[in-house]
Amino acid sequence: MAKKIDVAGVGEIPSGEFKIVKANGKEVGVYNDEGVYYGILNVCPHQQAEICKGTVSGTNIESEPHEFIYGKEGKVLSCPWHGWEFDIETGKSIFDPENYRVRTYEVKVEDNRIILYA
């Protein structure tokens, strides 16, 4: 069974921001995307950079040839070392989702507290 870790009160992590917490000896970034919370291990699978020091933005999404559509705003975490991009909802890489991913954790709001399950 996953351990419950009290991260913060609702409202303490502004939308678009994150907080790093310790969970079972590892660092986990807890992200707030307009009141929906995501937990992601603070280690890039490429070369173990602290991925949560990277930026959260969007990316080009699937489209027709010669067409560029920007999407997934606020849901793509880019590694600060080499720019590898990961979906903060699933942990899957944007460029090779079947082979690369960052571990994700369930995060819920309970009694007005943000709880990480690790």
Protein backbone atom coordinates (compact mmCIF):
# COMPACT_ATOMS: atom_id res chain seq x y z
CA MET A 1 0.00 0.00 0.00
CA ALA A 2 1.25 3.48 -0.89
CA LYS A 3 2.33 5.83 1.88
CA LYS A 4 0.33 9.07 2.22
CA ILE A 5 2.47 12.19 2.32
CA ASP A 6 0.90 15.52 3.25
CA VAL A 7 2.34 17.99 0.72
CA ALA A 8 0.56 21.29 1.43
CA GLY A 9 -2.78 22.91 1.89
CA VAL A 10 -4.90 23.65 -1.16
CA GLY A 11 -3.91 27.14 -2.29
CA GLU A 12 -0.32 26.86 -1.02
CA ILE A 13 0.97 25.74 -4.44
CA PRO A 14 -0.26 28.29 -7.02
CA SER A 15 -1.50 27.07 -10.39
CA GLY A 16 1.43 26.59 -12.74
CA GLU A 17 3.83 26.07 -9.82
CA PHE A 18 5.23 23.00 -8.03
CA LYS A 19 6.72 21.91 -4.75
CA ILE A 20 9.48 19.34 -4.20
CA VAL A 21 8.83 16.85 -1.38
CA LYS A 22 10.71 13.84 -0.02
CA ALA A 23 8.95 10.52 -0.55
CA ASN A 24 10.59 7.28 0.56
CA GLY A 25 14.04 8.85 0.23
CA LYS A 26 13.36 10.30 -3.24
CA GLU A 27 12.42 13.77 -4.42
CA VAL A 28 9.04 14.17 -6.09
CA GLY A 29 7.74 17.32 -7.75
CA VAL A 30 4.06 17.98 -7.06
CA TYR A 31 2.60 20.20 -9.80
CA ASN A 32 -0.61 22.22 -9.74
CA ASP A 33 -2.33 22.57 -13.10
CA GLU A 34 -5.41 24.69 -12.37
CA GLY A 35 -6.35 22.67 -9.29
CA VAL A 36 -5.38 19.27 -10.70
CA TYR A 37 -2.24 17.91 -9.06
CA TYR A 38 0.43 15.62 -10.50
CA GLY A 39 3.44 13.95 -8.87
CA ILE A 40 6.58 13.22 -10.88
CA LEU A 41 9.93 11.77 -9.77
CA ASN A 42 12.64 14.44 -9.87
CA VAL A 43 14.99 12.31 -12.01
CA CYS A 44 15.27 12.41 -15.80
CA PRO A 45 15.74 8.88 -17.21
CA HIS A 46 18.27 10.16 -19.76
CA GLN A 47 21.15 11.20 -17.48
CA GLN A 48 19.50 11.56 -14.05
CA ALA A 49 19.21 15.37 -14.06
CA GLU A 50 16.87 17.02 -11.57
CA ILE A 51 14.05 17.23 -14.09
CA CYS A 52 11.85 19.42 -11.91
CA LYS A 53 14.37 22.26 -12.40
CA GLY A 54 13.21 22.32 -16.02
CA THR A 55 10.33 24.29 -17.47
CA VAL A 56 6.68 23.34 -17.87
CA SER A 57 5.09 24.41 -21.12
CA GLY A 58 3.38 22.82 -24.10
CA THR A 59 4.64 21.26 -27.31
CA ASN A 60 3.75 20.65 -30.92
CA ILE A 61 1.05 18.00 -31.10
CA GLU A 62 0.22 15.51 -33.81
CA SER A 63 -0.85 17.25 -37.01
CA GLU A 64 -0.80 17.04 -40.78
CA PRO A 65 2.47 17.45 -42.76
CA HIS A 66 3.65 21.10 -42.82
CA GLU A 67 1.13 21.97 -40.12
CA PHE A 68 2.28 22.91 -36.61
CA ILE A 69 -0.25 22.86 -33.80
CA TYR A 70 0.82 23.87 -30.32
CA GLY A 71 -0.96 22.11 -27.46
CA LYS A 72 -0.71 20.45 -24.03
CA GLU A 73 0.08 23.83 -22.44
CA GLY A 74 1.13 23.35 -18.81
CA LYS A 75 1.48 19.59 -19.23
CA VAL A 76 4.98 19.13 -20.70
CA LEU A 77 8.05 19.10 -18.45
CA SER A 78 11.38 19.72 -20.21
CA CYS A 79 14.62 18.47 -18.69
CA PRO A 80 16.99 21.37 -17.97
CA TRP A 81 20.05 19.49 -19.23
CA HIS A 82 19.14 18.20 -22.69
CA GLY A 83 15.55 19.28 -23.27
CA TRP A 84 13.91 15.86 -23.16
CA GLU A 85 10.17 16.40 -22.79
CA PHE A 86 7.75 14.39 -20.64
CA ASP A 87 3.99 14.53 -20.14
CA ILE A 88 3.41 15.37 -16.45
CA GLU A 89 0.11 13.47 -16.47
CA THR A 90 1.54 10.13 -17.61
CA GLY A 91 5.32 10.50 -17.28
CA LYS A 92 5.72 9.31 -20.87
CA SER A 93 8.27 11.00 -23.09
CA ILE A 94 6.93 13.12 -25.91
CA PHE A 95 9.42 11.80 -28.48
CA ASP A 96 9.38 8.06 -27.60
CA PRO A 97 6.50 7.29 -25.20
CA GLU A 98 6.86 3.52 -25.46
CA ASN A 99 10.49 3.44 -24.32
CA TYR A 100 11.09 6.43 -22.03
CA ARG A 101 9.14 7.70 -19.06
CA VAL A 102 9.51 9.38 -15.69
CA ARG A 103 7.81 7.73 -12.74
CA THR A 104 4.58 9.44 -11.73
CA TYR A 105 2.66 9.35 -8.47
CA GLU A 106 -0.98 9.70 -7.59
CA VAL A 107 -1.90 13.00 -5.94
CA LYS A 108 -5.31 13.75 -4.42
CA VAL A 109 -6.98 16.50 -2.46
CA GLU A 110 -8.35 15.26 0.88
CA ASP A 111 -9.82 17.50 3.59
CA ASN A 112 -8.41 20.58 1.82
CA ARG A 113 -4.88 19.07 1.86
CA ILE A 114 -2.76 17.95 -1.12
CA ILE A 115 -1.78 14.31 -0.53
CA LEU A 116 0.91 12.43 -2.46
CA TYR A 117 0.68 8.62 -2.56
CA ALA A 118 4.17 7.14 -2.77
